[in-house]
Amino acid sequence: MTDYEAKDPNACKKLVELINQALPDADADILVENLEIIGSPSIVWYLNIDIVISKAGVLSVNRSRIVDETTKYFSEKQNAAETLAAGAGYRFTIEVSGGDTINLSYSVTDGTIYKLRISEVI
């Protein structure tokens, strides 16, 4: 075995990690608390979402964003709105700006989130 000590100052920061957690009801928020993006609304950052779920379904990123002093809510289906295969690993990269709030939902219930990790992209 090779040991690897991760101490690169440019490494990505892990923001969320769920391992072997039950899926909530279909289309309900997966994260207990929204991920709030702090920073300038005129700057774009990117987040990676790595996910493996025990049941086939559609993953959505649900976000709110302030536009012209009004909060707008919208949902973005990932994988071109195609069903994710059960037990398969997927990675999605999304853009975010300061003032966004992010949560995720899945189109089915009674399954297990084997892995969900959200991390910054450098």
N, C-alpha and C. Protein backbone atom coordinates (compact mmCIF):
# COMPACT_ATOMS: atom_id res chain seq x y z
N MET A 1 0.85 -1.17 0.00
CA MET A 1 0.00 0.00 0.00
C MET A 1 0.89 1.23 0.00
N THR A 2 0.46 2.27 -0.71
CA THR A 2 1.17 3.53 -0.74
C THR A 2 0.41 4.55 0.08
N ASP A 3 1.08 5.17 1.03
CA ASP A 3 0.45 6.22 1.83
C ASP A 3 0.51 7.53 1.06
N TYR A 4 -0.55 8.29 1.15
CA TYR A 4 -0.60 9.60 0.51
C TYR A 4 -1.07 10.60 1.54
N GLU A 5 -0.26 11.58 1.82
CA GLU A 5 -0.64 12.62 2.76
C GLU A 5 -1.13 13.82 1.98
N ALA A 6 -2.43 14.09 2.07
CA ALA A 6 -3.03 15.19 1.31
C ALA A 6 -2.80 16.49 2.05
N LYS A 7 -1.86 17.26 1.57
CA LYS A 7 -1.60 18.55 2.21
C LYS A 7 -1.34 19.64 1.19
N ASP A 8 -1.82 19.44 -0.02
CA ASP A 8 -1.68 20.43 -1.07
C ASP A 8 -2.52 21.66 -0.71
N PRO A 9 -1.90 22.85 -0.63
CA PRO A 9 -2.67 24.05 -0.27
C PRO A 9 -3.70 24.42 -1.33
N ASN A 10 -3.60 23.86 -2.52
CA ASN A 10 -4.57 24.14 -3.57
C ASN A 10 -5.63 23.05 -3.69
N ALA A 11 -5.70 22.17 -2.72
CA ALA A 11 -6.69 21.10 -2.76
C ALA A 11 -8.09 21.68 -2.62
N CYS A 12 -9.06 20.95 -3.15
CA CYS A 12 -10.46 21.38 -3.07
C CYS A 12 -10.99 21.19 -1.65
N LYS A 13 -11.82 22.13 -1.22
CA LYS A 13 -12.45 22.03 0.09
C LYS A 13 -13.74 21.21 -0.03
N LYS A 14 -13.88 20.21 0.84
CA LYS A 14 -15.09 19.38 0.89
C LYS A 14 -16.14 20.16 1.69
N LEU A 15 -17.31 20.39 1.10
CA LEU A 15 -18.36 21.17 1.75
C LEU A 15 -19.43 20.28 2.38
N VAL A 16 -19.73 19.16 1.75
CA VAL A 16 -20.77 18.25 2.22
C VAL A 16 -20.31 16.84 1.93
N GLU A 17 -20.55 15.92 2.88
CA GLU A 17 -20.33 14.50 2.62
C GLU A 17 -21.36 13.68 3.37
N LEU A 18 -22.11 12.87 2.64
CA LEU A 18 -23.07 11.93 3.22
C LEU A 18 -22.68 10.54 2.75
N ILE A 19 -22.63 9.60 3.67
CA ILE A 19 -22.28 8.22 3.36
C ILE A 19 -23.36 7.29 3.92
N ASN A 20 -23.88 6.41 3.09
CA ASN A 20 -24.88 5.41 3.49
C ASN A 20 -26.03 6.02 4.30
N GLN A 21 -26.66 7.01 3.70
CA GLN A 21 -27.79 7.69 4.34
C GLN A 21 -29.06 7.38 3.55
N ALA A 22 -30.17 7.22 4.25
CA ALA A 22 -31.44 6.95 3.58
C ALA A 22 -31.87 8.15 2.74
N LEU A 23 -32.43 7.86 1.57
CA LEU A 23 -33.01 8.93 0.76
C LEU A 23 -34.23 9.50 1.47
N PRO A 24 -34.43 10.81 1.39
CA PRO A 24 -35.69 11.36 1.91
C PRO A 24 -36.82 11.04 0.92
N ASP A 25 -38.00 11.54 1.19
CA ASP A 25 -39.12 11.35 0.27
C ASP A 25 -38.75 11.87 -1.12
N ALA A 26 -39.41 11.35 -2.13
CA ALA A 26 -39.15 11.79 -3.49
C ALA A 26 -39.30 13.30 -3.61
N ASP A 27 -38.32 13.94 -4.25
CA ASP A 27 -38.30 15.37 -4.53
C ASP A 27 -38.18 16.26 -3.28
N ALA A 28 -37.91 15.66 -2.12
CA ALA A 28 -37.67 16.45 -0.90
C ALA A 28 -36.18 16.81 -0.83
N ASP A 29 -35.86 17.85 -0.06
CA ASP A 29 -34.47 18.25 0.10
C ASP A 29 -33.64 17.12 0.69
N ILE A 30 -32.49 16.87 0.09
CA ILE A 30 -31.56 15.86 0.60
C ILE A 30 -30.74 16.43 1.75
N LEU A 31 -30.26 17.66 1.61
CA LEU A 31 -29.45 18.28 2.66
C LEU A 31 -30.35 18.82 3.76
N VAL A 32 -29.96 18.61 5.01
CA VAL A 32 -30.74 19.10 6.14
C VAL A 32 -30.81 20.62 6.11
N GLU A 33 -29.70 21.26 5.75
CA GLU A 33 -29.65 22.71 5.61
C GLU A 33 -29.17 23.05 4.22
N ASN A 34 -29.72 24.12 3.65
CA ASN A 34 -29.25 24.58 2.34
C ASN A 34 -27.79 24.96 2.42
N LEU A 35 -27.10 24.80 1.32
CA LEU A 35 -25.72 25.26 1.18
C LEU A 35 -25.81 26.71 0.72
N GLU A 36 -25.37 27.63 1.55
CA GLU A 36 -25.45 29.06 1.23
C GLU A 36 -24.12 29.55 0.71
N ILE A 37 -24.14 30.17 -0.47
CA ILE A 37 -22.93 30.66 -1.11
C ILE A 37 -22.73 32.12 -0.70
N ILE A 38 -21.61 32.37 -0.05
CA ILE A 38 -21.30 33.72 0.43
C ILE A 38 -20.24 34.32 -0.48
N GLY A 39 -20.47 35.50 -0.94
CA GLY A 39 -19.52 36.19 -1.81
C GLY A 39 -20.26 37.12 -2.74
N SER A 40 -19.55 37.69 -3.66
CA SER A 40 -20.12 38.64 -4.60
C SER A 40 -21.05 37.94 -5.59
N PRO A 41 -22.24 38.49 -5.81
CA PRO A 41 -23.12 37.90 -6.82
C PRO A 41 -22.62 38.08 -8.25
N SER A 42 -21.59 38.89 -8.42
CA SER A 42 -21.05 39.11 -9.77
C SER A 42 -19.90 38.16 -10.10
N ILE A 43 -19.54 37.27 -9.17
CA ILE A 43 -18.47 36.31 -9.39
C ILE A 43 -19.06 34.90 -9.43
N VAL A 44 -18.56 34.08 -10.35
CA VAL A 44 -19.03 32.70 -10.50
C VAL A 44 -17.97 31.75 -9.96
N TRP A 45 -18.39 30.78 -9.15
CA TRP A 45 -17.54 29.70 -8.68
C TRP A 45 -18.17 28.40 -9.18
N TYR A 46 -17.42 27.31 -9.03
CA TYR A 46 -17.93 26.02 -9.47
C TYR A 46 -17.83 25.01 -8.33
N LEU A 47 -18.85 24.14 -8.26
CA LEU A 47 -18.87 23.06 -7.28
C LEU A 47 -19.01 21.74 -8.02
N ASN A 48 -18.31 20.71 -7.52
CA ASN A 48 -18.50 19.35 -8.00
C ASN A 48 -19.48 18.63 -7.09
N ILE A 49 -20.36 17.87 -7.68
CA ILE A 49 -21.28 17.01 -6.94
C ILE A 49 -20.97 15.59 -7.38
N ASP A 50 -20.47 14.76 -6.45
CA ASP A 50 -20.21 13.34 -6.70
C ASP A 50 -21.30 12.56 -5.99
N ILE A 51 -21.95 11.65 -6.70
CA ILE A 51 -23.08 10.97 -6.10
C ILE A 51 -23.20 9.53 -6.59
N VAL A 52 -23.56 8.64 -5.66
CA VAL A 52 -23.89 7.24 -5.95
C VAL A 52 -25.13 6.91 -5.12
N ILE A 53 -26.20 6.46 -5.79
CA ILE A 53 -27.46 6.17 -5.10
C ILE A 53 -27.92 4.77 -5.49
N SER A 54 -28.55 4.08 -4.55
CA SER A 54 -28.91 2.68 -4.74
C SER A 54 -30.06 2.46 -5.72
N LYS A 55 -30.83 3.48 -6.02
CA LYS A 55 -31.99 3.34 -6.91
C LYS A 55 -31.87 4.31 -8.08
N ALA A 56 -32.33 3.88 -9.23
CA ALA A 56 -32.34 4.76 -10.40
C ALA A 56 -33.32 5.90 -10.20
N GLY A 57 -32.93 7.09 -10.63
CA GLY A 57 -33.79 8.26 -10.50
C GLY A 57 -33.13 9.49 -11.10
N VAL A 58 -33.79 10.61 -10.99
CA VAL A 58 -33.30 11.87 -11.53
C VAL A 58 -32.88 12.79 -10.38
N LEU A 59 -31.65 13.30 -10.48
CA LEU A 59 -31.09 14.23 -9.49
C LEU A 59 -31.37 15.66 -9.94
N SER A 60 -31.83 16.49 -9.00
CA SER A 60 -32.05 17.91 -9.29
C SER A 60 -31.28 18.77 -8.31
N VAL A 61 -30.74 19.87 -8.83
CA VAL A 61 -30.14 20.93 -8.00
C VAL A 61 -31.23 21.99 -7.85
N ASN A 62 -31.61 22.27 -6.62
CA ASN A 62 -32.64 23.27 -6.35
C ASN A 62 -31.95 24.49 -5.78
N ARG A 63 -32.20 25.62 -6.40
CA ARG A 63 -31.47 26.82 -5.97
C ARG A 63 -32.41 28.00 -5.86
N SER A 64 -32.00 28.92 -5.01
CA SER A 64 -32.64 30.23 -5.00
C SER A 64 -31.55 31.24 -5.31
N ARG A 65 -31.96 32.31 -5.96
CA ARG A 65 -31.02 33.38 -6.34
C ARG A 65 -31.79 34.69 -6.32
N ILE A 66 -31.14 35.72 -5.81
CA ILE A 66 -31.76 37.04 -5.79
C ILE A 66 -31.53 37.71 -7.14
N VAL A 67 -32.64 38.08 -7.78
CA VAL A 67 -32.60 38.75 -9.08
C VAL A 67 -33.46 40.01 -8.96
N ASP A 68 -32.85 41.16 -9.18
CA ASP A 68 -33.58 42.43 -9.07
C ASP A 68 -34.32 42.54 -7.74
N GLU A 69 -33.62 42.21 -6.66
CA GLU A 69 -34.12 42.29 -5.29
C GLU A 69 -35.29 41.35 -5.00
N THR A 70 -35.50 40.37 -5.87
CA THR A 70 -36.55 39.38 -5.66
C THR A 70 -35.91 38.00 -5.66
N THR A 71 -36.29 37.16 -4.70
CA THR A 71 -35.74 35.80 -4.65
C THR A 71 -36.47 34.92 -5.65
N LYS A 72 -35.69 34.31 -6.53
CA LYS A 72 -36.22 33.41 -7.54
C LYS A 72 -35.82 31.98 -7.18
N TYR A 73 -36.73 31.04 -7.33
CA TYR A 73 -36.47 29.62 -7.03
C TYR A 73 -36.56 28.83 -8.33
N PHE A 74 -35.61 27.95 -8.53
CA PHE A 74 -35.68 27.09 -9.71
C PHE A 74 -34.93 25.80 -9.47
N SER A 75 -35.27 24.82 -10.27
CA SER A 75 -34.70 23.48 -10.15
C SER A 75 -34.01 23.13 -11.45
N GLU A 76 -32.83 22.51 -11.35
CA GLU A 76 -32.05 22.13 -12.52
C GLU A 76 -31.84 20.63 -12.51
N LYS A 77 -32.50 19.93 -13.39
CA LYS A 77 -32.31 18.48 -13.48
C LYS A 77 -30.93 18.21 -14.06
N GLN A 78 -30.21 17.31 -13.44
CA GLN A 78 -28.86 16.96 -13.89
C GLN A 78 -28.93 15.81 -14.88
N ASN A 79 -27.81 15.53 -15.54
CA ASN A 79 -27.71 14.42 -16.50
C ASN A 79 -28.74 14.57 -17.62
N ALA A 80 -28.97 15.81 -18.06
CA ALA A 80 -29.94 16.09 -19.13
C ALA A 80 -31.31 15.51 -18.80
N ALA A 81 -31.66 15.52 -17.51
CA ALA A 81 -32.94 15.00 -17.02
C ALA A 81 -33.11 13.51 -17.25
N GLU A 82 -32.02 12.82 -17.56
CA GLU A 82 -32.06 11.37 -17.75
C GLU A 82 -31.86 10.67 -16.41
N THR A 83 -32.41 9.51 -16.26
CA THR A 83 -32.30 8.72 -15.04
C THR A 83 -30.86 8.30 -14.78
N LEU A 84 -30.42 8.46 -13.53
CA LEU A 84 -29.11 7.95 -13.12
C LEU A 84 -29.25 6.45 -12.86
N ALA A 85 -28.28 5.67 -13.26
CA ALA A 85 -28.32 4.22 -13.04
C ALA A 85 -28.09 3.91 -11.57
N ALA A 86 -28.81 2.93 -11.06
CA ALA A 86 -28.66 2.52 -9.67
C ALA A 86 -27.24 2.04 -9.40
N GLY A 87 -26.64 2.56 -8.34
CA GLY A 87 -25.32 2.12 -7.92
C GLY A 87 -24.16 2.67 -8.73
N ALA A 88 -24.42 3.49 -9.73
CA ALA A 88 -23.35 4.04 -10.58
C ALA A 88 -22.89 5.39 -10.02
N GLY A 89 -21.62 5.69 -10.21
CA GLY A 89 -21.06 6.96 -9.75
C GLY A 89 -21.18 8.03 -10.82
N TYR A 90 -21.57 9.22 -10.40
CA TYR A 90 -21.71 10.36 -11.30
C TYR A 90 -21.03 11.57 -10.68
N ARG A 91 -20.54 12.46 -11.55
CA ARG A 91 -20.00 13.76 -11.11
C ARG A 91 -20.62 14.84 -11.98
N PHE A 92 -21.14 15.86 -11.31
CA PHE A 92 -21.70 17.01 -11.99
C PHE A 92 -20.98 18.25 -11.48
N THR A 93 -20.74 19.20 -12.36
CA THR A 93 -20.16 20.48 -11.98
C THR A 93 -21.21 21.55 -12.21
N ILE A 94 -21.48 22.34 -11.18
CA ILE A 94 -22.48 23.40 -11.29
C ILE A 94 -21.82 24.74 -10.99
N GLU A 95 -22.38 25.81 -11.55
CA GLU A 95 -21.90 27.14 -11.24
C GLU A 95 -22.75 27.73 -10.10
N VAL A 96 -22.10 28.54 -9.28
CA VAL A 96 -22.79 29.22 -8.20
C VAL A 96 -22.25 30.65 -8.11
N SER A 97 -23.06 31.53 -7.54
CA SER A 97 -22.65 32.91 -7.29
C SER A 97 -23.05 33.28 -5.87
N GLY A 98 -22.41 34.32 -5.36
CA GLY A 98 -22.76 34.79 -4.02
C GLY A 98 -24.24 35.09 -3.93
N GLY A 99 -24.85 34.66 -2.83
CA GLY A 99 -26.28 34.85 -2.62
C GLY A 99 -27.11 33.65 -3.01
N ASP A 100 -26.53 32.69 -3.74
CA ASP A 100 -27.26 31.46 -4.08
C ASP A 100 -27.43 30.60 -2.84
N THR A 101 -28.52 29.88 -2.78
CA THR A 101 -28.66 28.77 -1.84
C THR A 101 -28.92 27.52 -2.68
N ILE A 102 -28.30 26.42 -2.25
CA ILE A 102 -28.33 25.18 -3.02
C ILE A 102 -28.83 24.04 -2.14
N ASN A 103 -29.67 23.20 -2.71
CA ASN A 103 -30.02 21.92 -2.11
C ASN A 103 -30.20 20.94 -3.26
N LEU A 104 -30.37 19.69 -2.94
CA LEU A 104 -30.53 18.64 -3.94
C LEU A 104 -31.80 17.86 -3.65
N SER A 105 -32.36 17.26 -4.68
CA SER A 105 -33.49 16.35 -4.49
C SER A 105 -33.34 15.20 -5.48
N TYR A 106 -34.04 14.11 -5.20
CA TYR A 106 -33.98 12.92 -6.04
C TYR A 106 -35.40 12.47 -6.29
N SER A 107 -35.67 11.91 -7.44
CA SER A 107 -37.04 11.65 -7.86
C SER A 107 -37.68 10.40 -7.25
N VAL A 108 -36.93 9.63 -6.50
CA VAL A 108 -37.49 8.41 -5.88
C VAL A 108 -37.19 8.40 -4.38
N THR A 109 -37.78 7.46 -3.71
CA THR A 109 -37.58 7.31 -2.27
C THR A 109 -37.25 5.85 -1.98
N ASP A 110 -37.11 5.52 -0.70
CA ASP A 110 -36.84 4.14 -0.27
C ASP A 110 -35.53 3.60 -0.83
N GLY A 111 -34.53 4.44 -0.90
CA GLY A 111 -33.22 4.01 -1.35
C GLY A 111 -32.15 4.53 -0.40
N THR A 112 -30.90 4.32 -0.79
CA THR A 112 -29.77 4.73 0.04
C THR A 112 -28.84 5.61 -0.78
N ILE A 113 -28.41 6.69 -0.18
CA ILE A 113 -27.35 7.51 -0.76
C ILE A 113 -26.05 6.85 -0.31
N TYR A 114 -25.41 6.12 -1.22
CA TYR A 114 -24.15 5.48 -0.86
C TYR A 114 -23.07 6.54 -0.63
N LYS A 115 -23.05 7.54 -1.51
CA LYS A 115 -22.07 8.63 -1.36
C LYS A 115 -22.61 9.89 -2.00
N LEU A 116 -22.52 10.98 -1.26
CA LEU A 116 -22.78 12.31 -1.80
C LEU A 116 -21.68 13.22 -1.27
N ARG A 117 -20.93 13.79 -2.18
CA ARG A 117 -19.89 14.74 -1.77
C ARG A 117 -20.02 15.98 -2.64
N ILE A 118 -20.05 17.13 -2.00
CA ILE A 118 -20.02 18.41 -2.72
C ILE A 118 -18.73 19.10 -2.32
N SER A 119 -17.95 19.50 -3.33
CA SER A 119 -16.66 20.13 -3.05
C SER A 119 -16.42 21.28 -4.03
N GLU A 120 -15.54 22.17 -3.60
CA GLU A 120 -15.15 23.28 -4.45
C GLU A 120 -14.33 22.77 -5.63
N VAL A 121 -14.35 23.52 -6.71
CA VAL A 121 -13.49 23.27 -7.85
C VAL A 121 -12.43 24.36 -7.84
N ILE A 122 -11.17 23.96 -7.94
CA ILE A 122 -10.07 24.95 -7.96
C ILE A 122 -9.87 25.41 -9.37
